[in-house]
Amino acid sequence: MTVQVEKMQKVVHGDDSSPKKPARAPLARQSQKTLTLTLLSALTLAAFFQEAIMRDAETRMTCKTVLYILVVSYCYCDYWLWMLHCFLDRKENLESRIPDIKEFATKFQEHHDFPTKVLYENHLGEIDDLVSAVAGMGLLLGYWTSPATKLIVVGVCMWGSLGSLNHFYGHALTNGYQIPPVYKYGQRWGLLPTAKHHKTHHTAPFEMNWNFLNGFYRIYEAIYFSTGSSYNALFAMFYTCNPIVFQTWALALGVLA
């Protein structure tokens, strides 16, 4: 009876000693560096200035041009993100002589073992150097390229950021967090890769679903597997078709005129 009275007194005075569940750690804030945003803004403004001031009315962009920019930038970014992910998941790159490749390959492959770690890191910020390099190359070649080309480069960077954020929020959703409506409904309506889709990539041996966008990954993976998962083919594509080098190839071939 005495014990029951003591418990009642604790409840009345707010002294409830029952164990409480530890508070869940908040998701890390996702952001990009000032330099990255400045370069992207400069490239965008250069495109608009060139379009408005330096071009004749009959050569200006139309609605078809805008559609062209969106489709080309999306398709290329879908391919590039798939290739990047597939390449950095290769064990060979853990012994790369290039420090940055070795570092990123290690991070990508450690992510398979510790997938929730990404929730407490600035995942979007990890692509800052790459985005800055892509936008920087776009500015360097800007004298020779059209406004549409400049906006395609910006589009590639923006689609890449979208894919990175969706990856982050996909893991958040898998772990029971509430996520922004853009990613929640984007996944639900099939516009973005779902958390369930990406979860299959985190099932050993981690040999499928390298995509960050909903594009043509089935075609990429079918071709990749048909080569016997050739590392040499991936190596060649990574170093010749990445969005920094590819801009110079395309300009030399007259594609970006």
C-alpha atoms as a PDB file:
ATOM      1  CA  MET A   1       0.000   0.000   0.000  1.00  0.00           C
ATOM      2  CA  THR A   2       2.859   2.348   0.883  1.00  0.00           C
ATOM      3  CA  VAL A   3       4.538   1.646  -2.466  1.00  0.00           C
ATOM      4  CA  GLN A   4       1.361   2.496  -4.372  1.00  0.00           C
ATOM      5  CA  VAL A   5       1.007   5.794  -2.468  1.00  0.00           C
ATOM      6  CA  GLU A   6       4.608   6.724  -3.318  1.00  0.00           C
ATOM      7  CA  LYS A   7       3.992   6.019  -7.009  1.00  0.00           C
ATOM      8  CA  MET A   8       0.869   8.199  -6.962  1.00  0.00           C
ATOM      9  CA  GLN A   9       2.822  11.045  -5.379  1.00  0.00           C
ATOM     10  CA  LYS A  10       5.516  10.813  -8.083  1.00  0.00           C
ATOM     11  CA  VAL A  11       2.902  11.020 -10.811  1.00  0.00           C
ATOM     12  CA  VAL A  12       1.169  13.998  -9.165  1.00  0.00           C
ATOM     13  CA  HIS A  13       4.450  15.887  -8.792  1.00  0.00           C
ATOM     14  CA  GLY A  14       5.685  14.975 -12.280  1.00  0.00           C
ATOM     15  CA  ASP A  15       8.390  12.636 -11.004  1.00  0.00           C
ATOM     16  CA  ASP A  16       7.800   9.724 -13.337  1.00  0.00           C
ATOM     17  CA  SER A  17      10.971   7.660 -13.364  1.00  0.00           C
ATOM     18  CA  SER A  18       9.871   5.342 -16.197  1.00  0.00           C
ATOM     19  CA  PRO A  19      12.536   5.121 -18.935  1.00  0.00           C
ATOM     20  CA  LYS A  20      12.044   7.346 -21.963  1.00  0.00           C
ATOM     21  CA  LYS A  21      12.988   6.542 -25.535  1.00  0.00           C
ATOM     22  CA  PRO A  22      16.013   8.514 -26.712  1.00  0.00           C
ATOM     23  CA  ALA A  23      15.189  11.376 -29.084  1.00  0.00           C
ATOM     24  CA  ARG A  24      15.891  10.641 -32.737  1.00  0.00           C
ATOM     25  CA  ALA A  25      18.750  12.606 -34.234  1.00  0.00           C
ATOM     26  CA  PRO A  26      17.535  15.196 -36.767  1.00  0.00           C
ATOM     27  CA  LEU A  27      18.426  14.877 -40.432  1.00  0.00           C
ATOM     28  CA  ALA A  28      21.503  16.800 -41.500  1.00  0.00           C
ATOM     29  CA  ARG A  29      20.908  20.088 -43.292  1.00  0.00           C
ATOM     30  CA  GLN A  30      21.560  19.794 -47.021  1.00  0.00           C
ATOM     31  CA  SER A  31      23.317  22.697 -48.730  1.00  0.00           C
ATOM     32  CA  GLN A  32      25.916  23.659 -51.309  1.00  0.00           C
ATOM     33  CA  LYS A  33      28.923  25.949 -51.008  1.00  0.00           C
ATOM     34  CA  THR A  34      28.786  29.590 -51.995  1.00  0.00           C
ATOM     35  CA  LEU A  35      31.349  29.004 -54.762  1.00  0.00           C
ATOM     36  CA  THR A  36      29.216  26.254 -56.326  1.00  0.00           C
ATOM     37  CA  LEU A  37      26.063  28.369 -56.297  1.00  0.00           C
ATOM     38  CA  THR A  38      27.972  31.400 -57.602  1.00  0.00           C
ATOM     39  CA  LEU A  39      29.367  29.491 -60.595  1.00  0.00           C
ATOM     40  CA  LEU A  40      25.944  28.058 -61.451  1.00  0.00           C
ATOM     41  CA  SER A  41      24.346  31.494 -61.153  1.00  0.00           C
ATOM     42  CA  ALA A  42      27.066  33.076 -63.291  1.00  0.00           C
ATOM     43  CA  LEU A  43      26.595  30.479 -66.032  1.00  0.00           C
ATOM     44  CA  THR A  44      22.816  30.963 -65.956  1.00  0.00           C
ATOM     45  CA  LEU A  45      23.120  34.745 -66.123  1.00  0.00           C
ATOM     46  CA  ALA A  46      25.637  34.477 -68.961  1.00  0.00           C
ATOM     47  CA  ALA A  47      23.115  32.418 -70.936  1.00  0.00           C
ATOM     48  CA  PHE A  48      20.303  34.924 -70.349  1.00  0.00           C
ATOM     49  CA  PHE A  49      22.553  37.905 -71.156  1.00  0.00           C
ATOM     50  CA  GLN A  50      23.740  36.299 -74.380  1.00  0.00           C
ATOM     51  CA  GLU A  51      20.171  35.431 -75.344  1.00  0.00           C
ATOM     52  CA  ALA A  52      18.729  38.862 -74.602  1.00  0.00           C
ATOM     53  CA  ILE A  53      21.540  41.163 -75.750  1.00  0.00           C
ATOM     54  CA  MET A  54      23.788  39.407 -78.204  1.00  0.00           C
ATOM     55  CA  ARG A  55      21.453  37.358 -80.387  1.00  0.00           C
ATOM     56  CA  ASP A  56      19.150  38.349 -83.209  1.00  0.00           C
ATOM     57  CA  ALA A  57      15.440  37.921 -82.651  1.00  0.00           C
ATOM     58  CA  GLU A  58      15.130  35.151 -85.238  1.00  0.00           C
ATOM     59  CA  THR A  59      17.773  32.998 -83.524  1.00  0.00           C
ATOM     60  CA  ARG A  60      16.394  33.243 -80.007  1.00  0.00           C
ATOM     61  CA  MET A  61      15.155  30.303 -77.988  1.00  0.00           C
ATOM     62  CA  THR A  62      11.594  29.040 -78.254  1.00  0.00           C
ATOM     63  CA  CYS A  63       9.436  26.666 -76.235  1.00  0.00           C
ATOM     64  CA  LYS A  64      10.921  23.824 -78.277  1.00  0.00           C
ATOM     65  CA  THR A  65      14.383  24.961 -77.221  1.00  0.00           C
ATOM     66  CA  VAL A  66      13.363  24.860 -73.564  1.00  0.00           C
ATOM     67  CA  LEU A  67      12.030  21.323 -74.016  1.00  0.00           C
ATOM     68  CA  TYR A  68      15.269  20.376 -75.785  1.00  0.00           C
ATOM     69  CA  ILE A  69      17.319  21.744 -72.870  1.00  0.00           C
ATOM     70  CA  LEU A  70      15.308  19.812 -70.295  1.00  0.00           C
ATOM     71  CA  VAL A  71      15.346  16.516 -72.200  1.00  0.00           C
ATOM     72  CA  VAL A  72      19.032  16.598 -73.187  1.00  0.00           C
ATOM     73  CA  SER A  73      20.244  17.651 -69.733  1.00  0.00           C
ATOM     74  CA  TYR A  74      18.063  15.025 -68.029  1.00  0.00           C
ATOM     75  CA  CYS A  75      19.093  12.170 -70.332  1.00  0.00           C
ATOM     76  CA  TYR A  76      22.785  12.982 -70.100  1.00  0.00           C
ATOM     77  CA  CYS A  77      22.657  13.423 -66.313  1.00  0.00           C
ATOM     78  CA  ASP A  78      20.770  10.139 -65.929  1.00  0.00           C
ATOM     79  CA  TYR A  79      23.544   8.380 -67.876  1.00  0.00           C
ATOM     80  CA  TRP A  80      26.345  10.183 -66.047  1.00  0.00           C
ATOM     81  CA  LEU A  81      24.991   9.498 -62.548  1.00  0.00           C
ATOM     82  CA  TRP A  82      24.486   5.824 -63.363  1.00  0.00           C
ATOM     83  CA  MET A  83      28.022   5.538 -64.762  1.00  0.00           C
ATOM     84  CA  LEU A  84      29.539   7.452 -61.834  1.00  0.00           C
ATOM     85  CA  HIS A  85      27.809   5.235 -59.280  1.00  0.00           C
ATOM     86  CA  CYS A  86      28.631   2.002 -61.112  1.00  0.00           C
ATOM     87  CA  PHE A  87      32.278   3.005 -61.616  1.00  0.00           C
ATOM     88  CA  LEU A  88      32.889   4.052 -58.018  1.00  0.00           C
ATOM     89  CA  ASP A  89      31.310   0.837 -56.746  1.00  0.00           C
ATOM     90  CA  ARG A  90      34.057  -1.183 -58.430  1.00  0.00           C
ATOM     91  CA  LYS A  91      36.567  -2.725 -56.017  1.00  0.00           C
ATOM     92  CA  GLU A  92      39.405  -1.865 -58.406  1.00  0.00           C
ATOM     93  CA  ASN A  93      39.015   1.810 -57.532  1.00  0.00           C
ATOM     94  CA  LEU A  94      39.846   1.174 -53.883  1.00  0.00           C
ATOM     95  CA  GLU A  95      43.443   0.831 -55.131  1.00  0.00           C
ATOM     96  CA  SER A  96      43.312   3.764 -57.564  1.00  0.00           C
ATOM     97  CA  ARG A  97      46.447   5.879 -57.896  1.00  0.00           C
ATOM     98  CA  ILE A  98      44.257   8.967 -58.163  1.00  0.00           C
ATOM     99  CA  PRO A  99      43.551  10.124 -54.573  1.00  0.00           C
ATOM    100  CA  ASP A 100      40.114  11.616 -55.305  1.00  0.00           C
ATOM    101  CA  ILE A 101      38.911   8.458 -57.077  1.00  0.00           C
ATOM    102  CA  LYS A 102      40.181   6.262 -54.251  1.00  0.00           C
ATOM    103  CA  GLU A 103      38.516   8.513 -51.656  1.00  0.00           C
ATOM    104  CA  PHE A 104      35.135   8.609 -53.384  1.00  0.00           C
ATOM    105  CA  ALA A 105      35.198   4.887 -54.175  1.00  0.00           C
ATOM    106  CA  THR A 106      35.842   4.206 -50.494  1.00  0.00           C
ATOM    107  CA  LYS A 107      32.944   6.465 -49.482  1.00  0.00           C
ATOM    108  CA  PHE A 108      30.562   4.914 -51.996  1.00  0.00           C
ATOM    109  CA  GLN A 109      31.394   1.372 -50.931  1.00  0.00           C
ATOM    110  CA  GLU A 110      31.365   2.115 -47.207  1.00  0.00           C
ATOM    111  CA  HIS A 111      27.853   3.462 -47.762  1.00  0.00           C
ATOM    112  CA  HIS A 112      26.757  -0.125 -48.480  1.00  0.00           C
ATOM    113  CA  ASP A 113      27.882  -1.145 -44.984  1.00  0.00           C
ATOM    114  CA  PHE A 114      26.677   1.971 -43.142  1.00  0.00           C
ATOM    115  CA  PRO A 115      23.708   3.302 -45.159  1.00  0.00           C
ATOM    116  CA  THR A 116      22.210   5.381 -42.332  1.00  0.00           C
ATOM    117  CA  LYS A 117      25.389   7.420 -41.904  1.00  0.00           C
ATOM    118  CA  VAL A 118      24.336   9.524 -44.892  1.00  0.00           C
ATOM    119  CA  LEU A 119      21.399  10.903 -42.869  1.00  0.00           C
ATOM    120  CA  TYR A 120      23.724  12.846 -40.605  1.00  0.00           C
ATOM    121  CA  GLU A 121      26.004  14.269 -43.299  1.00  0.00           C
ATOM    122  CA  ASN A 122      25.680  17.018 -45.881  1.00  0.00           C
ATOM    123  CA  HIS A 123      25.177  14.565 -48.726  1.00  0.00           C
ATOM    124  CA  LEU A 124      24.369  17.290 -51.263  1.00  0.00           C
ATOM    125  CA  GLY A 125      27.555  19.145 -50.368  1.00  0.00           C
ATOM    126  CA  GLU A 126      29.652  16.120 -51.281  1.00  0.00           C
ATOM    127  CA  ILE A 127      29.131  16.861 -54.975  1.00  0.00           C
ATOM    128  CA  ASP A 128      30.159  20.526 -54.659  1.00  0.00           C
ATOM    129  CA  ASP A 129      33.594  20.082 -56.220  1.00  0.00           C
ATOM    130  CA  LEU A 130      32.197  18.167 -59.184  1.00  0.00           C
ATOM    131  CA  VAL A 131      29.369  20.641 -59.796  1.00  0.00           C
ATOM    132  CA  SER A 132      31.792  23.562 -59.502  1.00  0.00           C
ATOM    133  CA  ALA A 133      34.140  21.962 -62.031  1.00  0.00           C
ATOM    134  CA  VAL A 134      31.305  21.318 -64.495  1.00  0.00           C
ATOM    135  CA  ALA A 135      29.937  24.862 -64.191  1.00  0.00           C
ATOM    136  CA  GLY A 136      33.467  26.291 -64.308  1.00  0.00           C
ATOM    137  CA  MET A 137      34.181  24.485 -67.575  1.00  0.00           C
ATOM    138  CA  GLY A 138      30.895  25.801 -68.927  1.00  0.00           C
ATOM    139  CA  LEU A 139      32.051  29.345 -68.168  1.00  0.00           C
ATOM    140  CA  LEU A 140      35.503  28.772 -69.686  1.00  0.00           C
ATOM    141  CA  LEU A 141      33.931  27.581 -72.933  1.00  0.00           C
ATOM    142  CA  GLY A 142      31.162  30.173 -72.783  1.00  0.00           C
ATOM    143  CA  TYR A 143      32.622  32.427 -75.480  1.00  0.00           C
ATOM    144  CA  TRP A 144      32.061  29.690 -78.070  1.00  0.00           C
ATOM    145  CA  THR A 145      28.800  28.150 -76.836  1.00  0.00           C
ATOM    146  CA  SER A 146      25.142  29.052 -77.266  1.00  0.00           C
ATOM    147  CA  PRO A 147      22.737  30.077 -74.484  1.00  0.00           C
ATOM    148  CA  ALA A 148      20.997  26.704 -74.808  1.00  0.00           C
ATOM    149  CA  THR A 149      24.302  24.891 -74.287  1.00  0.00           C
ATOM    150  CA  LYS A 150      25.030  26.888 -71.144  1.00  0.00           C
ATOM    151  CA  LEU A 151      21.571  26.071 -69.771  1.00  0.00           C
ATOM    152  CA  ILE A 152      22.053  22.378 -70.585  1.00  0.00           C
ATOM    153  CA  VAL A 153      25.182  22.412 -68.416  1.00  0.00           C
ATOM    154  CA  VAL A 154      23.234  24.117 -65.620  1.00  0.00           C
ATOM    155  CA  GLY A 155      20.450  21.578 -66.117  1.00  0.00           C
ATOM    156  CA  VAL A 156      22.864  18.659 -65.741  1.00  0.00           C
ATOM    157  CA  CYS A 157      24.028  20.119 -62.425  1.00  0.00           C
ATOM    158  CA  MET A 158      20.467  20.709 -61.219  1.00  0.00           C
ATOM    159  CA  TRP A 159      19.258  17.217 -62.160  1.00  0.00           C
ATOM    160  CA  GLY A 160      22.331  15.847 -60.383  1.00  0.00           C
ATOM    161  CA  SER A 161      21.450  17.784 -57.249  1.00  0.00           C
ATOM    162  CA  LEU A 162      17.896  16.490 -57.443  1.00  0.00           C
ATOM    163  CA  GLY A 163      19.177  12.918 -57.706  1.00  0.00           C
ATOM    164  CA  SER A 164      21.495  13.434 -54.743  1.00  0.00           C
ATOM    165  CA  LEU A 165      18.728  14.859 -52.568  1.00  0.00           C
ATOM    166  CA  ASN A 166      16.299  12.122 -53.562  1.00  0.00           C
ATOM    167  CA  HIS A 167      18.916   9.547 -52.583  1.00  0.00           C
ATOM    168  CA  PHE A 168      19.293  11.240 -49.191  1.00  0.00           C
ATOM    169  CA  TYR A 169      15.548  11.461 -48.567  1.00  0.00           C
ATOM    170  CA  GLY A 170      15.026   7.914 -49.832  1.00  0.00           C
ATOM    171  CA  HIS A 171      17.244   6.668 -47.026  1.00  0.00           C
ATOM    172  CA  ALA A 172      15.431   8.973 -44.625  1.00  0.00           C
ATOM    173  CA  LEU A 173      12.091   7.476 -45.663  1.00  0.00           C
ATOM    174  CA  THR A 174      13.433   3.940 -45.230  1.00  0.00           C
ATOM    175  CA  ASN A 175      14.396   4.863 -41.671  1.00  0.00           C
ATOM    176  CA  GLY A 176      11.015   6.328 -40.769  1.00  0.00           C
ATOM    177  CA  TYR A 177      11.658  10.048 -41.204  1.00  0.00           C
ATOM    178  CA  GLN A 178       9.176  12.462 -42.735  1.00  0.00           C
ATOM    179  CA  ILE A 179      10.497  13.863 -46.006  1.00  0.00           C
ATOM    180  CA  PRO A 180       9.606  16.940 -48.122  1.00  0.00           C
ATOM    181  CA  PRO A 181       6.525  16.539 -50.347  1.00  0.00           C
ATOM    182  CA  VAL A 182       8.584  16.926 -53.556  1.00  0.00           C
ATOM    183  CA  TYR A 183      10.438  13.701 -52.825  1.00  0.00           C
ATOM    184  CA  LYS A 184       7.562  11.924 -51.122  1.00  0.00           C
ATOM    185  CA  TYR A 185       5.170  12.369 -54.033  1.00  0.00           C
ATOM    186  CA  GLY A 186       7.922  12.266 -56.670  1.00  0.00           C
ATOM    187  CA  GLN A 187       8.686   8.735 -55.522  1.00  0.00           C
ATOM    188  CA  ARG A 188       5.045   7.795 -55.063  1.00  0.00           C
ATOM    189  CA  TRP A 189       4.122   8.930 -58.585  1.00  0.00           C
ATOM    190  CA  GLY A 190       7.119   7.267 -60.229  1.00  0.00           C
ATOM    191  CA  LEU A 191       8.930  10.479 -61.119  1.00  0.00           C
ATOM    192  CA  LEU A 192      11.913   9.667 -58.898  1.00  0.00           C
ATOM    193  CA  PRO A 193      13.564   6.395 -57.857  1.00  0.00           C
ATOM    194  CA  THR A 194      11.766   5.038 -54.794  1.00  0.00           C
ATOM    195  CA  ALA A 195      13.316   4.129 -51.477  1.00  0.00           C
ATOM    196  CA  LYS A 196      12.288   0.512 -52.116  1.00  0.00           C
ATOM    197  CA  HIS A 197      13.975   0.548 -55.526  1.00  0.00           C
ATOM    198  CA  HIS A 198      17.220   1.862 -54.070  1.00  0.00           C
ATOM    199  CA  LYS A 199      17.050  -0.567 -51.148  1.00  0.00           C
ATOM    200  CA  THR A 200      17.601  -3.443 -53.587  1.00  0.00           C
ATOM    201  CA  HIS A 201      20.929  -1.819 -54.478  1.00  0.00           C
ATOM    202  CA  HIS A 202      21.893  -2.138 -50.809  1.00  0.00           C
ATOM    203  CA  THR A 203      21.377  -5.884 -50.934  1.00  0.00           C
ATOM    204  CA  ALA A 204      24.583  -7.871 -51.519  1.00  0.00           C
ATOM    205  CA  PRO A 205      26.281  -8.186 -53.954  1.00  0.00           C
ATOM    206  CA  PHE A 206      25.183  -4.575 -54.760  1.00  0.00           C
ATOM    207  CA  GLU A 207      25.118  -5.278 -58.500  1.00  0.00           C
ATOM    208  CA  MET A 208      22.000  -3.499 -59.740  1.00  0.00           C
ATOM    209  CA  ASN A 209      20.014  -0.243 -59.615  1.00  0.00           C
ATOM    210  CA  TRP A 210      22.912   2.209 -59.764  1.00  0.00           C
ATOM    211  CA  ASN A 211      20.576   4.943 -61.012  1.00  0.00           C
ATOM    212  CA  PHE A 212      19.792   8.208 -59.223  1.00  0.00           C
ATOM    213  CA  LEU A 213      17.103   9.262 -61.713  1.00  0.00           C
ATOM    214  CA  ASN A 214      14.319   7.382 -63.491  1.00  0.00           C
ATOM    215  CA  GLY A 215      15.733   7.076 -66.968  1.00  0.00           C
ATOM    216  CA  PHE A 216      17.345   4.335 -68.991  1.00  0.00           C
ATOM    217  CA  TYR A 217      19.218   2.408 -66.301  1.00  0.00           C
ATOM    218  CA  ARG A 218      17.780  -0.907 -67.507  1.00  0.00           C
ATOM    219  CA  ILE A 219      19.435  -0.335 -70.890  1.00  0.00           C
ATOM    220  CA  TYR A 220      22.735   0.746 -69.298  1.00  0.00           C
ATOM    221  CA  GLU A 221      22.792  -2.272 -67.018  1.00  0.00           C
ATOM    222  CA  ALA A 222      21.865  -4.703 -69.801  1.00  0.00           C
ATOM    223  CA  ILE A 223      24.764  -3.424 -71.928  1.00  0.00           C
ATOM    224  CA  TYR A 224      27.105  -3.417 -68.936  1.00  0.00           C
ATOM    225  CA  PHE A 225      26.323  -7.018 -68.016  1.00  0.00           C
ATOM    226  CA  SER A 226      26.576  -8.079 -71.673  1.00  0.00           C
ATOM    227  CA  THR A 227      30.239  -6.966 -71.598  1.00  0.00           C
ATOM    228  CA  GLY A 228      30.875  -9.193 -68.595  1.00  0.00           C
ATOM    229  CA  SER A 229      30.764  -6.143 -66.303  1.00  0.00           C
ATOM    230  CA  SER A 230      33.861  -4.787 -68.013  1.00  0.00           C
ATOM    231  CA  TYR A 231      35.909  -2.481 -65.801  1.00  0.00           C
ATOM    232  CA  ASN A 232      37.928  -1.248 -68.777  1.00  0.00           C
ATOM    233  CA  ALA A 233      34.777  -0.057 -70.562  1.00  0.00           C
ATOM    234  CA  LEU A 234      33.620   1.795 -67.457  1.00  0.00           C
ATOM    235  CA  PHE A 235      37.090   3.268 -66.996  1.00  0.00           C
ATOM    236  CA  ALA A 236      37.143   4.597 -70.567  1.00  0.00           C
ATOM    237  CA  MET A 237      33.639   6.064 -70.339  1.00  0.00           C
ATOM    238  CA  PHE A 238      34.270   7.654 -66.944  1.00  0.00           C
ATOM    239  CA  TYR A 239      37.324   9.571 -68.089  1.00  0.00           C
ATOM    240  CA  THR A 240      36.120  10.536 -71.575  1.00  0.00           C
ATOM    241  CA  CYS A 241      32.370  11.058 -71.072  1.00  0.00           C
ATOM    242  CA  ASN A 242      32.208  12.851 -67.730  1.00  0.00           C
ATOM    243  CA  PRO A 243      30.528  16.286 -67.916  1.00  0.00           C
ATOM    244  CA  ILE A 244      33.802  18.189 -67.640  1.00  0.00           C
ATOM    245  CA  VAL A 245      35.704  16.473 -70.450  1.00  0.00           C
ATOM    246  CA  PHE A 246      32.595  15.841 -72.530  1.00  0.00           C
ATOM    247  CA  GLN A 247      32.021  19.596 -72.938  1.00  0.00           C
ATOM    248  CA  THR A 248      35.373  19.943 -74.684  1.00  0.00           C
ATOM    249  CA  TRP A 249      34.723  16.940 -76.947  1.00  0.00           C
ATOM    250  CA  ALA A 250      31.286  18.239 -77.883  1.00  0.00           C
ATOM    251  CA  LEU A 251      32.601  21.719 -78.613  1.00  0.00           C
ATOM    252  CA  ALA A 252      35.408  20.329 -80.783  1.00  0.00           C
ATOM    253  CA  LEU A 253      32.857  18.297 -82.756  1.00  0.00           C
ATOM    254  CA  GLY A 254      30.583  21.301 -83.185  1.00  0.00           C
ATOM    255  CA  VAL A 255      27.792  19.901 -81.033  1.00  0.00           C
ATOM    256  CA  LEU A 256      27.838  22.828 -78.598  1.00  0.00           C
ATOM    257  CA  ALA A 257      28.036  25.613 -81.161  1.00  0.00           C
END
